[in-house]
PDB file of N, CA and C in Angstrom:
ATOM      1  N   UNK A   1       1.088  -1.554   0.039  1.00  0.00           N
ATOM      2  CA  UNK A   1      -0.210   0.043  -0.037  1.00  0.00           C
ATOM      3  C   UNK A   1       0.629   1.256  -0.292  1.00  0.00           C
ATOM      4  N   UNK A   2       2.127   1.330   0.271  1.00  0.00           N
ATOM      5  CA  UNK A   2       3.316   2.140  -0.034  1.00  0.00           C
ATOM      6  C   UNK A   2       3.302   3.017  -1.150  1.00  0.00           C
ATOM      7  N   UNK A   3       2.744   2.042  -2.116  1.00  0.00           N
ATOM      8  CA  UNK A   3       3.635   2.607  -3.384  1.00  0.00           C
ATOM      9  C   UNK A   3       2.305   3.320  -3.954  1.00  0.00           C
ATOM     10  N   UNK A   4       0.970   2.957  -3.630  1.00  0.00           N
ATOM     11  CA  UNK A   4      -0.532   3.477  -3.885  1.00  0.00           C
ATOM     12  C   UNK A   4      -0.291   4.797  -3.013  1.00  0.00           C
ATOM     13  N   UNK A   5       0.143   5.168  -1.814  1.00  0.00           N
ATOM     14  CA  UNK A   5      -0.252   6.183  -0.883  1.00  0.00           C
ATOM     15  C   UNK A   5       0.742   7.190  -1.669  1.00  0.00           C
ATOM     16  N   UNK A   6       2.039   7.024  -1.974  1.00  0.00           N
ATOM     17  CA  UNK A   6       2.918   7.903  -2.548  1.00  0.00           C
ATOM     18  C   UNK A   6       2.428   8.368  -4.020  1.00  0.00           C
ATOM     19  N   UNK A   7       1.580   7.669  -4.864  1.00  0.00           N
ATOM     20  CA  UNK A   7       0.972   7.805  -6.249  1.00  0.00           C
ATOM     21  C   UNK A   7       0.049   8.674  -5.967  1.00  0.00           C
ATOM     22  N   UNK A   8      -1.184   8.896  -4.579  1.00  0.00           N
ATOM     23  CA  UNK A   8      -2.303   9.574  -4.246  1.00  0.00           C
ATOM     24  C   UNK A   8      -1.674  10.946  -3.923  1.00  0.00           C
ATOM     25  N   UNK A   9      -0.338  10.907  -3.544  1.00  0.00           N
ATOM     26  CA  UNK A   9       0.052  12.410  -3.017  1.00  0.00           C
ATOM     27  C   UNK A   9       0.890  12.905  -4.217  1.00  0.00           C
ATOM     28  N   UNK A  10       1.129  12.153  -5.035  1.00  0.00           N
ATOM     29  CA  UNK A  10       1.836  13.052  -6.258  1.00  0.00           C
ATOM     30  C   UNK A  10       0.791  13.314  -7.237  1.00  0.00           C
ATOM     31  N   UNK A  11      -0.413  12.368  -7.166  1.00  0.00           N
ATOM     32  CA  UNK A  11      -1.860  12.865  -8.065  1.00  0.00           C
ATOM     33  C   UNK A  11      -2.312  14.287  -7.253  1.00  0.00           C
ATOM     34  N   UNK A  12      -2.502  14.320  -5.638  1.00  0.00           N
ATOM     35  CA  UNK A  12      -2.914  15.334  -5.446  1.00  0.00           C
ATOM     36  C   UNK A  12      -2.250  17.060  -5.580  1.00  0.00           C
ATOM     37  N   UNK A  13      -0.964  16.761  -5.723  1.00  0.00           N
ATOM     38  CA  UNK A  13      -0.215  17.688  -5.631  1.00  0.00           C
ATOM     39  C   UNK A  13      -0.330  18.201  -6.995  1.00  0.00           C
ATOM     40  N   UNK A  14      -0.270  17.356  -8.380  1.00  0.00           N
ATOM     41  CA  UNK A  14      -0.864  17.839  -9.520  1.00  0.00           C
ATOM     42  C   UNK A  14      -2.245  18.247  -9.737  1.00  0.00           C
ATOM     43  N   UNK A  15      -2.924  17.634  -9.062  1.00  0.00           N
ATOM     44  CA  UNK A  15      -4.082  18.088  -9.188  1.00  0.00           C
ATOM     45  C   UNK A  15      -4.302  19.777  -8.332  1.00  0.00           C
ATOM     46  N   UNK A  16      -3.657  19.887  -7.650  1.00  0.00           N
ATOM     47  CA  UNK A  16      -3.826  21.394  -6.725  1.00  0.00           C
ATOM     48  C   UNK A  16      -3.127  22.177  -7.467  1.00  0.00           C
ATOM     49  N   UNK A  17      -1.804  21.816  -8.445  1.00  0.00           N
ATOM     50  CA  UNK A  17      -1.329  22.780  -9.461  1.00  0.00           C
ATOM     51  C   UNK A  17      -2.635  22.984 -10.655  1.00  0.00           C
ATOM     52  N   UNK A  18      -2.867  22.181 -11.176  1.00  0.00           N
ATOM     53  CA  UNK A  18      -3.997  22.075 -12.126  1.00  0.00           C
ATOM     54  C   UNK A  18      -4.965  22.906 -11.853  1.00  0.00           C
ATOM     55  N   UNK A  19      -5.345  22.972 -10.327  1.00  0.00           N
ATOM     56  CA  UNK A  19      -6.651  23.912 -10.279  1.00  0.00           C
ATOM     57  C   UNK A  19      -6.341  25.156  -9.975  1.00  0.00           C
ATOM     58  N   UNK A  20      -5.184  25.478  -9.385  1.00  0.00           N
ATOM     59  CA  UNK A  20      -4.537  26.772  -9.372  1.00  0.00           C
ATOM     60  C   UNK A  20      -4.369  27.502 -10.833  1.00  0.00           C
ATOM     61  N   UNK A  21      -4.013  26.805 -11.715  1.00  0.00           N
ATOM     62  CA  UNK A  21      -3.697  27.048 -13.250  1.00  0.00           C
ATOM     63  C   UNK A  21      -5.202  27.312 -14.163  1.00  0.00           C
ATOM     64  N   UNK A  22      -5.924  26.472 -13.361  1.00  0.00           N
ATOM     65  CA  UNK A  22      -7.518  26.617 -13.936  1.00  0.00           C
ATOM     66  C   UNK A  22      -7.872  28.023 -13.575  1.00  0.00           C
ATOM     67  N   UNK A  23      -8.161  28.620 -12.244  1.00  0.00           N
ATOM     68  CA  UNK A  23      -8.269  29.435 -11.948  1.00  0.00           C
ATOM     69  C   UNK A  23      -8.006  30.888 -12.129  1.00  0.00           C
ATOM     70  N   UNK A  24      -6.333  30.731 -12.561  1.00  0.00           N
ATOM     71  CA  UNK A  24      -5.561  32.004 -12.909  1.00  0.00           C
ATOM     72  C   UNK A  24      -5.784  32.191 -14.548  1.00  0.00           C
ATOM     73  N   UNK A  25      -6.271  31.091 -15.739  1.00  0.00           N
ATOM     74  CA  UNK A  25      -6.448  31.127 -16.543  1.00  0.00           C
ATOM     75  C   UNK A  25      -6.980  32.002 -17.259  1.00  0.00           C
ATOM     76  N   UNK A  26      -8.132  32.504 -16.829  1.00  0.00           N
ATOM     77  CA  UNK A  26      -9.058  33.144 -17.104  1.00  0.00           C
ATOM     78  C   UNK A  26      -8.437  34.833 -17.408  1.00  0.00           C
ATOM     79  N   UNK A  27      -7.712  35.011 -16.245  1.00  0.00           N
ATOM     80  CA  UNK A  27      -7.380  36.617 -16.235  1.00  0.00           C
ATOM     81  C   UNK A  27      -6.339  36.236 -17.155  1.00  0.00           C
ATOM     82  N   UNK A  28      -5.432  35.674 -17.167  1.00  0.00           N
ATOM     83  CA  UNK A  28      -4.362  35.703 -18.486  1.00  0.00           C
ATOM     84  C   UNK A  28      -4.565  36.095 -19.608  1.00  0.00           C
ATOM     85  N   UNK A  29      -5.852  34.905 -19.865  1.00  0.00           N
ATOM     86  CA  UNK A  29      -6.349  35.501 -21.425  1.00  0.00           C
ATOM     87  C   UNK A  29      -6.992  36.757 -21.631  1.00  0.00           C
ATOM     88  N   UNK A  30      -7.645  37.195 -20.531  1.00  0.00           N
ATOM     89  CA  UNK A  30      -8.645  38.832 -21.005  1.00  0.00           C
ATOM     90  C   UNK A  30      -7.408  39.645 -20.711  1.00  0.00           C
ATOM     91  N   UNK A  31      -6.270  39.579 -19.875  1.00  0.00           N
ATOM     92  CA  UNK A  31      -5.125  40.687 -19.951  1.00  0.00           C
ATOM     93  C   UNK A  31      -4.812  40.219 -21.236  1.00  0.00           C
ATOM     94  N   UNK A  32      -4.246  39.548 -21.831  1.00  0.00           N
ATOM     95  CA  UNK A  32      -3.566  38.858 -23.255  1.00  0.00           C
ATOM     96  C   UNK A  32      -4.552  39.730 -23.950  1.00  0.00           C
ATOM     97  N   UNK A  33      -5.969  39.399 -24.028  1.00  0.00           N
ATOM     98  CA  UNK A  33      -6.867  40.279 -25.054  1.00  0.00           C
ATOM     99  C   UNK A  33      -6.644  41.630 -24.637  1.00  0.00           C
ATOM    100  N   UNK A  34      -6.867  42.190 -23.970  1.00  0.00           N
ATOM    101  CA  UNK A  34      -6.275  43.717 -24.042  1.00  0.00           C
ATOM    102  C   UNK A  34      -5.724  44.191 -24.802  1.00  0.00           C
ATOM    103  N   UNK A  35      -4.431  43.510 -24.652  1.00  0.00           N
ATOM    104  CA  UNK A  35      -2.939  44.177 -24.989  1.00  0.00           C
ATOM    105  C   UNK A  35      -3.317  43.858 -26.787  1.00  0.00           C
ATOM    106  N   UNK A  36      -3.611  42.771 -27.079  1.00  0.00           N
ATOM    107  CA  UNK A  36      -3.926  42.121 -28.569  1.00  0.00           C
ATOM    108  C   UNK A  36      -4.754  43.529 -29.180  1.00  0.00           C
ATOM    109  N   UNK A  37      -6.173  43.601 -28.316  1.00  0.00           N
ATOM    110  CA  UNK A  37      -7.013  44.679 -28.787  1.00  0.00           C
ATOM    111  C   UNK A  37      -6.012  46.242 -29.058  1.00  0.00           C
ATOM    112  N   UNK A  38      -5.362  46.235 -28.004  1.00  0.00           N
ATOM    113  CA  UNK A  38      -4.739  47.903 -28.108  1.00  0.00           C
ATOM    114  C   UNK A  38      -3.703  47.808 -29.408  1.00  0.00           C
ATOM    115  N   UNK A  39      -2.989  46.740 -29.270  1.00  0.00           N
ATOM    116  CA  UNK A  39      -1.870  46.483 -30.595  1.00  0.00           C
ATOM    117  C   UNK A  39      -2.654  46.628 -32.085  1.00  0.00           C
ATOM    118  N   UNK A  40      -3.889  46.041 -31.845  1.00  0.00           N
ATOM    119  CA  UNK A  40      -4.807  46.214 -33.358  1.00  0.00           C
ATOM    120  C   UNK A  40      -5.005  47.741 -33.594  1.00  0.00           C
ATOM    121  N   UNK A  41      -5.576  48.425 -32.471  1.00  0.00           N
ATOM    122  CA  UNK A  41      -5.941  49.656 -32.732  1.00  0.00           C
ATOM    123  C   UNK A  41      -4.182  50.409 -33.090  1.00  0.00           C
ATOM    124  N   UNK A  42      -3.599  50.371 -32.522  1.00  0.00           N
ATOM    125  CA  UNK A  42      -1.830  50.925 -33.072  1.00  0.00           C
ATOM    126  C   UNK A  42      -1.901  50.701 -34.266  1.00  0.00           C
ATOM    127  N   UNK A  43      -2.046  49.149 -34.795  1.00  0.00           N
ATOM    128  CA  UNK A  43      -1.672  48.726 -36.151  1.00  0.00           C
ATOM    129  C   UNK A  43      -2.390  49.563 -37.201  1.00  0.00           C
ATOM    130  N   UNK A  44      -4.026  49.638 -36.993  1.00  0.00           N
ATOM    131  CA  UNK A  44      -4.735  50.322 -37.981  1.00  0.00           C
ATOM    132  C   UNK A  44      -4.366  51.785 -38.153  1.00  0.00           C
ATOM    133  N   UNK A  45      -3.907  52.799 -36.946  1.00  0.00           N
ATOM    134  CA  UNK A  45      -3.538  53.698 -37.128  1.00  0.00           C
ATOM    135  C   UNK A  45      -2.250  54.317 -37.679  1.00  0.00           C
ATOM    136  N   UNK A  46      -0.993  53.300 -37.708  1.00  0.00           N
ATOM    137  CA  UNK A  46       0.044  53.060 -38.475  1.00  0.00           C
ATOM    138  C   UNK A  46      -0.367  52.901 -39.646  1.00  0.00           C
ATOM    139  N   UNK A  47      -1.309  52.102 -40.117  1.00  0.00           N
ATOM    140  CA  UNK A  47      -1.593  51.992 -41.618  1.00  0.00           C
ATOM    141  C   UNK A  47      -2.402  53.193 -42.174  1.00  0.00           C
ATOM    142  N   UNK A  48      -3.055  53.883 -41.605  1.00  0.00           N
ATOM    143  CA  UNK A  48      -3.861  54.912 -42.111  1.00  0.00           C
ATOM    144  C   UNK A  48      -2.496  55.830 -41.988  1.00  0.00           C
ATOM    145  N   UNK A  49      -1.863  55.908 -41.374  1.00  0.00           N
ATOM    146  CA  UNK A  49      -0.573  57.358 -41.478  1.00  0.00           C
ATOM    147  C   UNK A  49       0.800  56.692 -42.899  1.00  0.00           C
ATOM    148  N   UNK A  50       0.490  55.152 -42.847  1.00  0.00           N
ATOM    149  CA  UNK A  50       1.404  54.965 -43.981  1.00  0.00           C
ATOM    150  C   UNK A  50       1.065  55.229 -45.444  1.00  0.00           C
ATOM    151  N   UNK A  51      -0.720  54.859 -45.524  1.00  0.00           N
ATOM    152  CA  UNK A  51      -1.541  55.479 -46.477  1.00  0.00           C
ATOM    153  C   UNK A  51      -1.277  56.907 -46.937  1.00  0.00           C
ATOM    154  N   UNK A  52      -1.435  57.692 -45.877  1.00  0.00           N
ATOM    155  CA  UNK A  52      -1.453  59.044 -46.223  1.00  0.00           C
ATOM    156  C   UNK A  52      -0.097  59.883 -46.406  1.00  0.00           C
ATOM    157  N   UNK A  53       0.813  58.793 -45.676  1.00  0.00           N
ATOM    158  CA  UNK A  53       2.516  59.048 -46.209  1.00  0.00           C
ATOM    159  C   UNK A  53       2.718  58.654 -48.136  1.00  0.00           C
ATOM    160  N   UNK A  54       2.190  57.447 -48.028  1.00  0.00           N
ATOM    161  CA  UNK A  54       2.377  57.182 -49.769  1.00  0.00           C
ATOM    162  C   UNK A  54       1.535  58.054 -50.369  1.00  0.00           C
ATOM    163  N   UNK A  55       0.569  58.583 -50.456  1.00  0.00           N
ATOM    164  CA  UNK A  55      -0.457  59.629 -50.984  1.00  0.00           C
ATOM    165  C   UNK A  55       0.145  60.818 -51.482  1.00  0.00           C
ATOM    166  N   UNK A  56       1.002  61.218 -50.381  1.00  0.00           N
ATOM    167  CA  UNK A  56       1.751  62.442 -50.328  1.00  0.00           C
ATOM    168  C   UNK A  56       2.948  62.569 -51.095  1.00  0.00           C
ATOM    169  N   UNK A  57       3.667  61.450 -51.103  1.00  0.00           N
ATOM    170  CA  UNK A  57       4.815  60.760 -52.268  1.00  0.00           C
ATOM    171  C   UNK A  57       4.070  60.641 -53.436  1.00  0.00           C
ATOM    172  N   UNK A  58       3.018  60.246 -53.602  1.00  0.00           N
ATOM    173  CA  UNK A  58       2.887  59.934 -54.781  1.00  0.00           C
ATOM    174  C   UNK A  58       2.653  61.292 -55.470  1.00  0.00           C
ATOM    175  N   UNK A  59       1.893  62.152 -54.957  1.00  0.00           N
ATOM    176  CA  UNK A  59       1.376  63.366 -55.542  1.00  0.00           C
ATOM    177  C   UNK A  59       2.715  64.298 -55.493  1.00  0.00           C
ATOM    178  N   UNK A  60       3.740  64.268 -54.872  1.00  0.00           N
ATOM    179  CA  UNK A  60       4.958  65.069 -55.186  1.00  0.00           C
ATOM    180  C   UNK A  60       5.907  64.477 -56.197  1.00  0.00           C
ATOM    181  N   UNK A  61       5.659  63.290 -56.503  1.00  0.00           N
ATOM    182  CA  UNK A  61       6.487  62.584 -57.341  1.00  0.00           C
ATOM    183  C   UNK A  61       5.737  62.810 -58.724  1.00  0.00           C
ATOM    184  N   UNK A  62       4.383  62.961 -59.230  1.00  0.00           N
ATOM    185  CA  UNK A  62       3.511  63.230 -60.135  1.00  0.00           C
ATOM    186  C   UNK A  62       4.146  64.522 -60.535  1.00  0.00           C
ATOM    187  N   UNK A  63       4.048  66.116 -59.525  1.00  0.00           N
ATOM    188  CA  UNK A  63       4.072  67.146 -59.932  1.00  0.00           C
ATOM    189  C   UNK A  63       5.476  67.197 -60.668  1.00  0.00           C
ATOM    190  N   UNK A  64       6.445  66.515 -59.841  1.00  0.00           N
ATOM    191  CA  UNK A  64       7.866  66.853 -60.199  1.00  0.00           C
ATOM    192  C   UNK A  64       8.158  66.600 -61.884  1.00  0.00           C
ATOM    193  N   UNK A  65       8.877  67.246 -62.473  1.00  0.00           N
ATOM    194  CA  UNK A  65       9.149  66.779 -63.879  1.00  0.00           C
ATOM    195  C   UNK A  65      10.546  65.668 -63.677  1.00  0.00           C
ATOM    196  N   UNK A  66      10.317  64.755 -64.920  1.00  0.00           N
ATOM    197  CA  UNK A  66      11.656  63.540 -64.660  1.00  0.00           C
ATOM    198  C   UNK A  66      12.538  64.325 -65.145  1.00  0.00           C
ATOM    199  N   UNK A  67      13.870  64.290 -64.800  1.00  0.00           N
ATOM    200  CA  UNK A  67      14.775  64.534 -65.309  1.00  0.00           C
ATOM    201  C   UNK A  67      15.620  63.377 -65.845  1.00  0.00           C
ATOM    202  N   UNK A  68      16.184  63.445 -67.611  1.00  0.00           N
ATOM    203  CA  UNK A  68      16.867  62.278 -67.673  1.00  0.00           C
ATOM    204  C   UNK A  68      18.128  61.821 -67.202  1.00  0.00           C
ATOM    205  N   UNK A  69      18.957  63.256 -66.336  1.00  0.00           N
ATOM    206  CA  UNK A  69      20.528  63.234 -65.642  1.00  0.00           C
ATOM    207  C   UNK A  69      20.309  62.819 -64.721  1.00  0.00           C
ATOM    208  N   UNK A  70      21.232  61.562 -64.205  1.00  0.00           N
ATOM    209  CA  UNK A  70      21.812  60.917 -63.110  1.00  0.00           C
ATOM    210  C   UNK A  70      22.045  62.179 -61.872  1.00  0.00           C
ATOM    211  N   UNK A  71      22.079  61.657 -60.911  1.00  0.00           N
ATOM    212  CA  UNK A  71      23.158  62.692 -60.371  1.00  0.00           C
ATOM    213  C   UNK A  71      24.347  61.764 -59.801  1.00  0.00           C
ATOM    214  N   UNK A  72      25.358  62.564 -60.223  1.00  0.00           N
ATOM    215  CA  UNK A  72      26.824  62.639 -60.061  1.00  0.00           C
ATOM    216  C   UNK A  72      26.860  61.638 -58.565  1.00  0.00           C
ATOM    217  N   UNK A  73      27.827  60.660 -58.567  1.00  0.00           N
ATOM    218  CA  UNK A  73      27.764  60.248 -57.177  1.00  0.00           C
ATOM    219  C   UNK A  73      29.700  60.140 -57.049  1.00  0.00           C
ATOM    220  N   UNK A  74      30.205  60.702 -56.621  1.00  0.00           N
ATOM    221  CA  UNK A  74      31.477  60.865 -56.097  1.00  0.00           C
ATOM    222  C   UNK A  74      32.007  59.406 -56.068  1.00  0.00           C
ATOM    223  N   UNK A  75      32.887  59.322 -56.878  1.00  0.00           N
ATOM    224  CA  UNK A  75      33.850  57.705 -56.648  1.00  0.00           C
ATOM    225  C   UNK A  75      35.068  58.151 -55.728  1.00  0.00           C
ATOM    226  N   UNK A  76      35.352  57.448 -54.476  1.00  0.00           N
ATOM    227  CA  UNK A  76      36.408  57.090 -53.833  1.00  0.00           C
ATOM    228  C   UNK A  76      36.956  56.548 -53.217  1.00  0.00           C
TER     229      UNK A  76
END
């Protein structure tokens, strides 16, 4: 019966840790969900800014005349 007693102690310790994890897990998930939602909003904001910059650059390139001359690069 000694083997059975040690096995039950191990199972009870494992059950205790699983119970603690079961109670903590929802708080961890909701904490991560809030961070992911904030990151999503920041990413959408960055995407809007990038689109605005691309449009500004596109307008400036269409206004500037194209020159056939290449800028000289000094060789050193």
